[in-house]
Amino acid sequence: MANRAYLIKTSKEKSEELFEANNTIPLFWFTLLDSDTIEKSEKSLMDCYDSYIESDDDDEDKEIVNIIISKATFIKNATAGKRFIEKNTLIK
């Protein structure tokens, strides 16, 4: 069993999976989050974590937590994250 994370672009018309990660969350995804988004999602994330830890069941249909980011927040965070990554990596 693996833990999967998905980066999904969603609109009223359609939903599109952009990336999938297995057992890890790519570090650059964290640049898309801000403190308000994390605070709004914190209780759901902790409840999901607690239920996962307390469960002896290997059921793959565990609770899922969606962290929803508005388009404006995504663009703001992605722009700031791009600058951070460019400044702090050797890759140019």
PDB file of N, CA and C in Angstrom:
ATOM      1  N   MET A   1       0.839  -1.172   0.000  1.00  0.00           N
ATOM      2  CA  MET A   1       0.000   0.000   0.000  1.00  0.00           C
ATOM      3  C   MET A   1       0.886   1.238   0.000  1.00  0.00           C
ATOM      4  N   ALA A   2       0.486   2.229  -0.762  1.00  0.00           N
ATOM      5  CA  ALA A   2       1.261   3.454  -0.857  1.00  0.00           C
ATOM      6  C   ALA A   2       0.369   4.649  -0.553  1.00  0.00           C
ATOM      7  N   ASN A   3       0.990   5.728  -0.151  1.00  0.00           N
ATOM      8  CA  ASN A   3       0.282   6.984   0.016  1.00  0.00           C
ATOM      9  C   ASN A   3       0.436   7.769  -1.272  1.00  0.00           C
ATOM     10  N   ARG A   4      -0.654   8.224  -1.812  1.00  0.00           N
ATOM     11  CA  ARG A   4      -0.607   8.961  -3.064  1.00  0.00           C
ATOM     12  C   ARG A   4      -1.085  10.387  -2.849  1.00  0.00           C
ATOM     13  N   ALA A   5      -0.469  11.291  -3.574  1.00  0.00           N
ATOM     14  CA  ALA A   5      -0.877  12.696  -3.579  1.00  0.00           C
ATOM     15  C   ALA A   5      -1.055  13.108  -5.028  1.00  0.00           C
ATOM     16  N   TYR A   6      -2.077  13.899  -5.274  1.00  0.00           N
ATOM     17  CA  TYR A   6      -2.383  14.342  -6.630  1.00  0.00           C
ATOM     18  C   TYR A   6      -2.469  15.855  -6.662  1.00  0.00           C
ATOM     19  N   LEU A   7      -1.966  16.449  -7.716  1.00  0.00           N
ATOM     20  CA  LEU A   7      -2.146  17.868  -7.972  1.00  0.00           C
ATOM     21  C   LEU A   7      -3.154  17.944  -9.112  1.00  0.00           C
ATOM     22  N   ILE A   8      -4.344  18.478  -8.804  1.00  0.00           N
ATOM     23  CA  ILE A   8      -5.451  18.468  -9.756  1.00  0.00           C
ATOM     24  C   ILE A   8      -5.931  19.889 -10.009  1.00  0.00           C
ATOM     25  N   LYS A   9      -6.074  20.227 -11.279  1.00  0.00           N
ATOM     26  CA  LYS A   9      -6.641  21.516 -11.688  1.00  0.00           C
ATOM     27  C   LYS A   9      -8.129  21.283 -11.928  1.00  0.00           C
ATOM     28  N   THR A  10      -8.965  22.068 -11.245  1.00  0.00           N
ATOM     29  CA  THR A  10     -10.408  21.846 -11.321  1.00  0.00           C
ATOM     30  C   THR A  10     -11.135  23.139 -11.650  1.00  0.00           C
ATOM     31  N   SER A  11     -12.112  23.029 -12.529  1.00  0.00           N
ATOM     32  CA  SER A  11     -13.026  24.134 -12.809  1.00  0.00           C
ATOM     33  C   SER A  11     -14.437  23.571 -12.778  1.00  0.00           C
ATOM     34  N   LYS A  12     -15.424  24.425 -12.986  1.00  0.00           N
ATOM     35  CA  LYS A  12     -16.809  23.936 -13.001  1.00  0.00           C
ATOM     36  C   LYS A  12     -17.032  22.973 -14.158  1.00  0.00           C
ATOM     37  N   GLU A  13     -16.310  23.156 -15.248  1.00  0.00           N
ATOM     38  CA  GLU A  13     -16.503  22.333 -16.440  1.00  0.00           C
ATOM     39  C   GLU A  13     -15.758  21.006 -16.397  1.00  0.00           C
ATOM     40  N   LYS A  14     -14.537  21.009 -15.850  1.00  0.00           N
ATOM     41  CA  LYS A  14     -13.748  19.774 -15.870  1.00  0.00           C
ATOM     42  C   LYS A  14     -12.706  19.749 -14.762  1.00  0.00           C
ATOM     43  N   SER A  15     -12.163  18.575 -14.561  1.00  0.00           N
ATOM     44  CA  SER A  15     -11.105  18.355 -13.595  1.00  0.00           C
ATOM     45  C   SER A  15      -9.973  17.623 -14.311  1.00  0.00           C
ATOM     46  N   GLU A  16      -8.755  18.084 -14.107  1.00  0.00           N
ATOM     47  CA  GLU A  16      -7.614  17.511 -14.820  1.00  0.00           C
ATOM     48  C   GLU A  16      -6.480  17.220 -13.845  1.00  0.00           C
ATOM     49  N   GLU A  17      -6.026  15.972 -13.821  1.00  0.00           N
ATOM     50  CA  GLU A  17      -4.902  15.587 -12.980  1.00  0.00           C
ATOM     51  C   GLU A  17      -3.617  16.068 -13.638  1.00  0.00           C
ATOM     52  N   LEU A  18      -2.854  16.897 -12.924  1.00  0.00           N
ATOM     53  CA  LEU A  18      -1.609  17.424 -13.469  1.00  0.00           C
ATOM     54  C   LEU A  18      -0.414  16.553 -13.088  1.00  0.00           C
ATOM     55  N   PHE A  19      -0.356  16.143 -11.814  1.00  0.00           N
ATOM     56  CA  PHE A  19       0.758  15.332 -11.325  1.00  0.00           C
ATOM     57  C   PHE A  19       0.246  14.331 -10.293  1.00  0.00           C
ATOM     58  N   GLU A  20       0.976  13.233 -10.153  1.00  0.00           N
ATOM     59  CA  GLU A  20       0.710  12.245  -9.120  1.00  0.00           C
ATOM     60  C   GLU A  20       2.032  11.946  -8.431  1.00  0.00           C
ATOM     61  N   ALA A  21       1.991  11.837  -7.110  1.00  0.00           N
ATOM     62  CA  ALA A  21       3.190  11.487  -6.348  1.00  0.00           C
ATOM     63  C   ALA A  21       2.882  10.253  -5.517  1.00  0.00           C
ATOM     64  N   ASN A  22       3.857   9.383  -5.366  1.00  0.00           N
ATOM     65  CA  ASN A  22       3.698   8.135  -4.628  1.00  0.00           C
ATOM     66  C   ASN A  22       4.613   8.162  -3.409  1.00  0.00           C
ATOM     67  N   ASN A  23       4.010   8.151  -2.222  1.00  0.00           N
ATOM     68  CA  ASN A  23       4.711   8.111  -0.934  1.00  0.00           C
ATOM     69  C   ASN A  23       5.403   9.403  -0.526  1.00  0.00           C
ATOM     70  N   THR A  24       5.468  10.377  -1.374  1.00  0.00           N
ATOM     71  CA  THR A  24       6.048  11.663  -0.998  1.00  0.00           C
ATOM     72  C   THR A  24       5.246  12.778  -1.656  1.00  0.00           C
ATOM     73  N   ILE A  25       5.374  13.952  -1.114  1.00  0.00           N
ATOM     74  CA  ILE A  25       4.806  15.134  -1.755  1.00  0.00           C
ATOM     75  C   ILE A  25       5.990  15.927  -2.281  1.00  0.00           C
ATOM     76  N   PRO A  26       6.042  16.154  -3.595  1.00  0.00           N
ATOM     77  CA  PRO A  26       7.165  16.917  -4.142  1.00  0.00           C
ATOM     78  C   PRO A  26       7.307  18.263  -3.434  1.00  0.00           C
ATOM     79  N   LEU A  27       8.520  18.588  -3.075  1.00  0.00           N
ATOM     80  CA  LEU A  27       8.753  19.797  -2.286  1.00  0.00           C
ATOM     81  C   LEU A  27       8.217  21.056  -2.956  1.00  0.00           C
ATOM     82  N   PHE A  28       8.279  21.127  -4.286  1.00  0.00           N
ATOM     83  CA  PHE A  28       7.815  22.358  -4.923  1.00  0.00           C
ATOM     84  C   PHE A  28       6.311  22.557  -4.742  1.00  0.00           C
ATOM     85  N   TRP A  29       5.549  21.473  -4.447  1.00  0.00           N
ATOM     86  CA  TRP A  29       4.114  21.635  -4.199  1.00  0.00           C
ATOM     87  C   TRP A  29       3.876  22.492  -2.962  1.00  0.00           C
ATOM     88  N   PHE A  30       4.801  22.410  -2.001  1.00  0.00           N
ATOM     89  CA  PHE A  30       4.644  23.203  -0.785  1.00  0.00           C
ATOM     90  C   PHE A  30       4.706  24.698  -1.068  1.00  0.00           C
ATOM     91  N   THR A  31       5.348  25.083  -2.163  1.00  0.00           N
ATOM     92  CA  THR A  31       5.401  26.513  -2.499  1.00  0.00           C
ATOM     93  C   THR A  31       4.030  27.030  -2.937  1.00  0.00           C
ATOM     94  N   LEU A  32       3.094  26.140  -3.220  1.00  0.00           N
ATOM     95  CA  LEU A  32       1.749  26.550  -3.624  1.00  0.00           C
ATOM     96  C   LEU A  32       0.867  26.856  -2.415  1.00  0.00           C
ATOM     97  N   LEU A  33       1.329  26.501  -1.218  1.00  0.00           N
ATOM     98  CA  LEU A  33       0.549  26.704  -0.001  1.00  0.00           C
ATOM     99  C   LEU A  33       0.963  27.986   0.703  1.00  0.00           C
ATOM    100  N   ASP A  34       0.028  28.575   1.396  1.00  0.00           N
ATOM    101  CA  ASP A  34       0.309  29.735   2.236  1.00  0.00           C
ATOM    102  C   ASP A  34      -0.285  29.469   3.611  1.00  0.00           C
ATOM    103  N   SER A  35       0.028  30.310   4.571  1.00  0.00           N
ATOM    104  CA  SER A  35      -0.411  30.034   5.939  1.00  0.00           C
ATOM    105  C   SER A  35      -1.932  30.001   6.064  1.00  0.00           C
ATOM    106  N   ASP A  36      -2.661  30.861   5.344  1.00  0.00           N
ATOM    107  CA  ASP A  36      -4.126  30.830   5.417  1.00  0.00           C
ATOM    108  C   ASP A  36      -4.680  29.496   4.920  1.00  0.00           C
ATOM    109  N   THR A  37      -4.149  29.005   3.801  1.00  0.00           N
ATOM    110  CA  THR A  37      -4.607  27.722   3.246  1.00  0.00           C
ATOM    111  C   THR A  37      -4.321  26.585   4.217  1.00  0.00           C
ATOM    112  N   ILE A  38      -3.147  26.592   4.795  1.00  0.00           N
ATOM    113  CA  ILE A  38      -2.770  25.544   5.747  1.00  0.00           C
ATOM    114  C   ILE A  38      -3.659  25.603   6.987  1.00  0.00           C
ATOM    115  N   GLU A  39      -3.902  26.809   7.504  1.00  0.00           N
ATOM    116  CA  GLU A  39      -4.753  26.945   8.687  1.00  0.00           C
ATOM    117  C   GLU A  39      -6.177  26.476   8.406  1.00  0.00           C
ATOM    118  N   LYS A  40      -6.708  26.771   7.218  1.00  0.00           N
ATOM    119  CA  LYS A  40      -8.061  26.343   6.867  1.00  0.00           C
ATOM    120  C   LYS A  40      -8.148  24.823   6.742  1.00  0.00           C
ATOM    121  N   SER A  41      -7.054  24.172   6.363  1.00  0.00           N
ATOM    122  CA  SER A  41      -7.039  22.724   6.133  1.00  0.00           C
ATOM    123  C   SER A  41      -6.529  21.935   7.325  1.00  0.00           C
ATOM    124  N   GLU A  42      -6.001  22.612   8.319  1.00  0.00           N
ATOM    125  CA  GLU A  42      -5.297  21.937   9.413  1.00  0.00           C
ATOM    126  C   GLU A  42      -6.155  20.895  10.130  1.00  0.00           C
ATOM    127  N   LYS A  43      -7.380  21.227  10.514  1.00  0.00           N
ATOM    128  CA  LYS A  43      -8.216  20.281  11.257  1.00  0.00           C
ATOM    129  C   LYS A  43      -8.499  19.039  10.420  1.00  0.00           C
ATOM    130  N   SER A  44      -8.849  19.215   9.146  1.00  0.00           N
ATOM    131  CA  SER A  44      -9.126  18.061   8.278  1.00  0.00           C
ATOM    132  C   SER A  44      -7.890  17.186   8.123  1.00  0.00           C
ATOM    133  N   LEU A  45      -6.734  17.805   7.952  1.00  0.00           N
ATOM    134  CA  LEU A  45      -5.491  17.049   7.807  1.00  0.00           C
ATOM    135  C   LEU A  45      -5.167  16.264   9.072  1.00  0.00           C
ATOM    136  N   MET A  46      -5.325  16.900  10.229  1.00  0.00           N
ATOM    137  CA  MET A  46      -5.017  16.226  11.491  1.00  0.00           C
ATOM    138  C   MET A  46      -6.018  15.104  11.769  1.00  0.00           C
ATOM    139  N   ASP A  47      -7.307  15.338  11.484  1.00  0.00           N
ATOM    140  CA  ASP A  47      -8.314  14.281  11.674  1.00  0.00           C
ATOM    141  C   ASP A  47      -8.016  13.080  10.781  1.00  0.00           C
ATOM    142  N   CYS A  48      -7.631  13.345   9.541  1.00  0.00           N
ATOM    143  CA  CYS A  48      -7.302  12.264   8.605  1.00  0.00           C
ATOM    144  C   CYS A  48      -6.081  11.493   9.103  1.00  0.00           C
ATOM    145  N   TYR A  49      -5.071  12.227   9.546  1.00  0.00           N
ATOM    146  CA  TYR A  49      -3.858  11.598  10.066  1.00  0.00           C
ATOM    147  C   TYR A  49      -4.185  10.727  11.286  1.00  0.00           C
ATOM    148  N   ASP A  50      -4.972  11.280  12.216  1.00  0.00           N
ATOM    149  CA  ASP A  50      -5.334  10.530  13.420  1.00  0.00           C
ATOM    150  C   ASP A  50      -6.099   9.254  13.077  1.00  0.00           C
ATOM    151  N   SER A  51      -7.048   9.345  12.142  1.00  0.00           N
ATOM    152  CA  SER A  51      -7.816   8.149  11.781  1.00  0.00           C
ATOM    153  C   SER A  51      -6.933   7.117  11.087  1.00  0.00           C
ATOM    154  N   TYR A  52      -5.956   7.572  10.340  1.00  0.00           N
ATOM    155  CA  TYR A  52      -5.024   6.660   9.671  1.00  0.00           C
ATOM    156  C   TYR A  52      -4.153   5.934  10.698  1.00  0.00           C
ATOM    157  N   ILE A  53      -3.640   6.666  11.673  1.00  0.00           N
ATOM    158  CA  ILE A  53      -2.769   6.093  12.703  1.00  0.00           C
ATOM    159  C   ILE A  53      -3.546   5.111  13.582  1.00  0.00           C
ATOM    160  N   GLU A  54      -4.784   5.457  13.917  1.00  0.00           N
ATOM    161  CA  GLU A  54      -5.587   4.620  14.808  1.00  0.00           C
ATOM    162  C   GLU A  54      -6.144   3.381  14.121  1.00  0.00           C
ATOM    163  N   SER A  55      -6.150   3.351  12.814  1.00  0.00           N
ATOM    164  CA  SER A  55      -6.764   2.256  12.071  1.00  0.00           C
ATOM    165  C   SER A  55      -5.787   1.106  11.894  1.00  0.00           C
ATOM    166  N   ASP A  56      -6.285  -0.107  12.133  1.00  0.00           N
ATOM    167  CA  ASP A  56      -5.494  -1.306  11.867  1.00  0.00           C
ATOM    168  C   ASP A  56      -5.770  -1.835  10.469  1.00  0.00           C
ATOM    169  N   ASP A  57      -6.751  -1.263   9.825  1.00  0.00           N
ATOM    170  CA  ASP A  57      -7.223  -1.727   8.527  1.00  0.00           C
ATOM    171  C   ASP A  57      -6.283  -1.258   7.422  1.00  0.00           C
ATOM    172  N   ASP A  58      -5.971  -2.134   6.488  1.00  0.00           N
ATOM    173  CA  ASP A  58      -5.146  -1.770   5.342  1.00  0.00           C
ATOM    174  C   ASP A  58      -5.991  -1.331   4.155  1.00  0.00           C
ATOM    175  N   ASP A  59      -7.211  -0.956   4.413  1.00  0.00           N
ATOM    176  CA  ASP A  59      -8.139  -0.545   3.363  1.00  0.00           C
ATOM    177  C   ASP A  59      -7.570   0.658   2.608  1.00  0.00           C
ATOM    178  N   GLU A  60      -7.527   0.540   1.293  1.00  0.00           N
ATOM    179  CA  GLU A  60      -6.986   1.627   0.480  1.00  0.00           C
ATOM    180  C   GLU A  60      -7.977   2.772   0.314  1.00  0.00           C
ATOM    181  N   ASP A  61      -9.215   2.590   0.756  1.00  0.00           N
ATOM    182  CA  ASP A  61     -10.221   3.636   0.637  1.00  0.00           C
ATOM    183  C   ASP A  61     -10.252   4.492   1.893  1.00  0.00           C
ATOM    184  N   LYS A  62      -9.104   4.915   2.330  1.00  0.00           N
ATOM    185  CA  LYS A  62      -9.007   5.770   3.508  1.00  0.00           C
ATOM    186  C   LYS A  62      -9.580   7.147   3.189  1.00  0.00           C
ATOM    187  N   GLU A  63      -9.798   7.903   4.244  1.00  0.00           N
ATOM    188  CA  GLU A  63     -10.302   9.265   4.100  1.00  0.00           C
ATOM    189  C   GLU A  63      -9.327  10.088   3.244  1.00  0.00           C
ATOM    190  N   ILE A  64      -9.889  10.966   2.449  1.00  0.00           N
ATOM    191  CA  ILE A  64      -9.090  11.832   1.588  1.00  0.00           C
ATOM    192  C   ILE A  64      -9.309  13.271   2.021  1.00  0.00           C
ATOM    193  N   VAL A  65      -8.249  14.049   2.042  1.00  0.00           N
ATOM    194  CA  VAL A  65      -8.352  15.467   2.359  1.00  0.00           C
ATOM    195  C   VAL A  65      -7.968  16.249   1.114  1.00  0.00           C
ATOM    196  N   ASN A  66      -8.856  17.125   0.703  1.00  0.00           N
ATOM    197  CA  ASN A  66      -8.567  18.009  -0.418  1.00  0.00           C
ATOM    198  C   ASN A  66      -8.191  19.377   0.115  1.00  0.00           C
ATOM    199  N   ILE A  67      -7.068  19.887  -0.336  1.00  0.00           N
ATOM    200  CA  ILE A  67      -6.676  21.251  -0.011  1.00  0.00           C
ATOM    201  C   ILE A  67      -7.002  22.076  -1.248  1.00  0.00           C
ATOM    202  N   ILE A  68      -7.940  22.993  -1.091  1.00  0.00           N
ATOM    203  CA  ILE A  68      -8.417  23.770  -2.233  1.00  0.00           C
ATOM    204  C   ILE A  68      -7.780  25.152  -2.213  1.00  0.00           C
ATOM    205  N   ILE A  69      -7.198  25.525  -3.355  1.00  0.00           N
ATOM    206  CA  ILE A  69      -6.535  26.817  -3.500  1.00  0.00           C
ATOM    207  C   ILE A  69      -7.214  27.551  -4.654  1.00  0.00           C
ATOM    208  N   SER A  70      -7.626  28.778  -4.424  1.00  0.00           N
ATOM    209  CA  SER A  70      -8.251  29.555  -5.493  1.00  0.00           C
ATOM    210  C   SER A  70      -7.209  29.863  -6.577  1.00  0.00           C
ATOM    211  N   LYS A  71      -7.693  30.198  -7.747  1.00  0.00           N
ATOM    212  CA  LYS A  71      -6.787  30.519  -8.859  1.00  0.00           C
ATOM    213  C   LYS A  71      -5.890  31.708  -8.502  1.00  0.00           C
ATOM    214  N   ALA A  72      -6.460  32.738  -7.890  1.00  0.00           N
ATOM    215  CA  ALA A  72      -5.672  33.926  -7.522  1.00  0.00           C
ATOM    216  C   ALA A  72      -4.585  33.568  -6.508  1.00  0.00           C
ATOM    217  N   THR A  73      -4.946  32.752  -5.511  1.00  0.00           N
ATOM    218  CA  THR A  73      -3.965  32.326  -4.500  1.00  0.00           C
ATOM    219  C   THR A  73      -2.902  31.443  -5.136  1.00  0.00           C
ATOM    220  N   PHE A  74      -3.321  30.547  -6.024  1.00  0.00           N
ATOM    221  CA  PHE A  74      -2.369  29.680  -6.715  1.00  0.00           C
ATOM    222  C   PHE A  74      -1.339  30.521  -7.475  1.00  0.00           C
ATOM    223  N   ILE A  75      -1.802  31.505  -8.244  1.00  0.00           N
ATOM    224  CA  ILE A  75      -0.887  32.337  -9.037  1.00  0.00           C
ATOM    225  C   ILE A  75       0.050  33.114  -8.122  1.00  0.00           C
ATOM    226  N   LYS A  76      -0.490  33.696  -7.054  1.00  0.00           N
ATOM    227  CA  LYS A  76       0.347  34.450  -6.109  1.00  0.00           C
ATOM    228  C   LYS A  76       1.405  33.549  -5.482  1.00  0.00           C
ATOM    229  N   ASN A  77       0.982  32.379  -4.994  1.00  0.00           N
ATOM    230  CA  ASN A  77       1.923  31.467  -4.335  1.00  0.00           C
ATOM    231  C   ASN A  77       2.921  30.862  -5.323  1.00  0.00           C
ATOM    232  N   ALA A  78       2.470  30.543  -6.531  1.00  0.00           N
ATOM    233  CA  ALA A  78       3.367  29.975  -7.541  1.00  0.00           C
ATOM    234  C   ALA A  78       4.438  30.985  -7.948  1.00  0.00           C
ATOM    235  N   THR A  79       4.053  32.240  -8.069  1.00  0.00           N
ATOM    236  CA  THR A  79       5.020  33.287  -8.424  1.00  0.00           C
ATOM    237  C   THR A  79       6.068  33.452  -7.326  1.00  0.00           C
ATOM    238  N   ALA A  80       5.619  33.509  -6.073  1.00  0.00           N
ATOM    239  CA  ALA A  80       6.553  33.616  -4.951  1.00  0.00           C
ATOM    240  C   ALA A  80       7.409  32.357  -4.843  1.00  0.00           C
ATOM    241  N   GLY A  81       6.803  31.192  -5.061  1.00  0.00           N
ATOM    242  CA  GLY A  81       7.536  29.934  -4.996  1.00  0.00           C
ATOM    243  C   GLY A  81       8.589  29.822  -6.081  1.00  0.00           C
ATOM    244  N   LYS A  82       8.271  30.317  -7.271  1.00  0.00           N
ATOM    245  CA  LYS A  82       9.238  30.297  -8.383  1.00  0.00           C
ATOM    246  C   LYS A  82      10.473  31.118  -8.018  1.00  0.00           C
ATOM    247  N   ARG A  83      10.243  32.303  -7.466  1.00  0.00           N
ATOM    248  CA  ARG A  83      11.390  33.136  -7.043  1.00  0.00           C
ATOM    249  C   ARG A  83      12.216  32.434  -5.975  1.00  0.00           C
ATOM    250  N   PHE A  84      11.531  31.802  -5.009  1.00  0.00           N
ATOM    251  CA  PHE A  84      12.229  31.085  -3.941  1.00  0.00           C
ATOM    252  C   PHE A  84      13.078  29.943  -4.499  1.00  0.00           C
ATOM    253  N   ILE A  85      12.495  29.147  -5.381  1.00  0.00           N
ATOM    254  CA  ILE A  85      13.212  28.007  -5.962  1.00  0.00           C
ATOM    255  C   ILE A  85      14.403  28.487  -6.787  1.00  0.00           C
ATOM    256  N   GLU A  86      14.199  29.523  -7.609  1.00  0.00           N
ATOM    257  CA  GLU A  86      15.307  30.042  -8.418  1.00  0.00           C
ATOM    258  C   GLU A  86      16.426  30.581  -7.544  1.00  0.00           C
ATOM    259  N   LYS A  87      16.091  31.233  -6.449  1.00  0.00           N
ATOM    260  CA  LYS A  87      17.097  31.813  -5.565  1.00  0.00           C
ATOM    261  C   LYS A  87      17.863  30.758  -4.789  1.00  0.00           C
ATOM    262  N   ASN A  88      17.208  29.639  -4.468  1.00  0.00           N
ATOM    263  CA  ASN A  88      17.790  28.658  -3.542  1.00  0.00           C
ATOM    264  C   ASN A  88      18.182  27.328  -4.197  1.00  0.00           C
ATOM    265  N   THR A  89      18.287  27.292  -5.493  1.00  0.00           N
ATOM    266  CA  THR A  89      18.765  26.070  -6.155  1.00  0.00           C
ATOM    267  C   THR A  89      19.898  26.407  -7.102  1.00  0.00           C
ATOM    268  N   LEU A  90      20.606  25.386  -7.481  1.00  0.00           N
ATOM    269  CA  LEU A  90      21.694  25.572  -8.428  1.00  0.00           C
ATOM    270  C   LEU A  90      21.188  25.478  -9.873  1.00  0.00           C
ATOM    271  N   ILE A  91      19.962  25.042 -10.027  1.00  0.00           N
ATOM    272  CA  ILE A  91      19.391  24.893 -11.362  1.00  0.00           C
ATOM    273  C   ILE A  91      18.864  26.232 -11.833  1.00  0.00           C
ATOM    274  N   LYS A  92      19.290  26.653 -12.976  1.00  0.00           N
ATOM    275  CA  LYS A  92      18.852  27.933 -13.556  1.00  0.00           C
ATOM    276  C   LYS A  92      18.276  27.718 -14.937  1.00  0.00           C
TER     277      LYS A  92
END
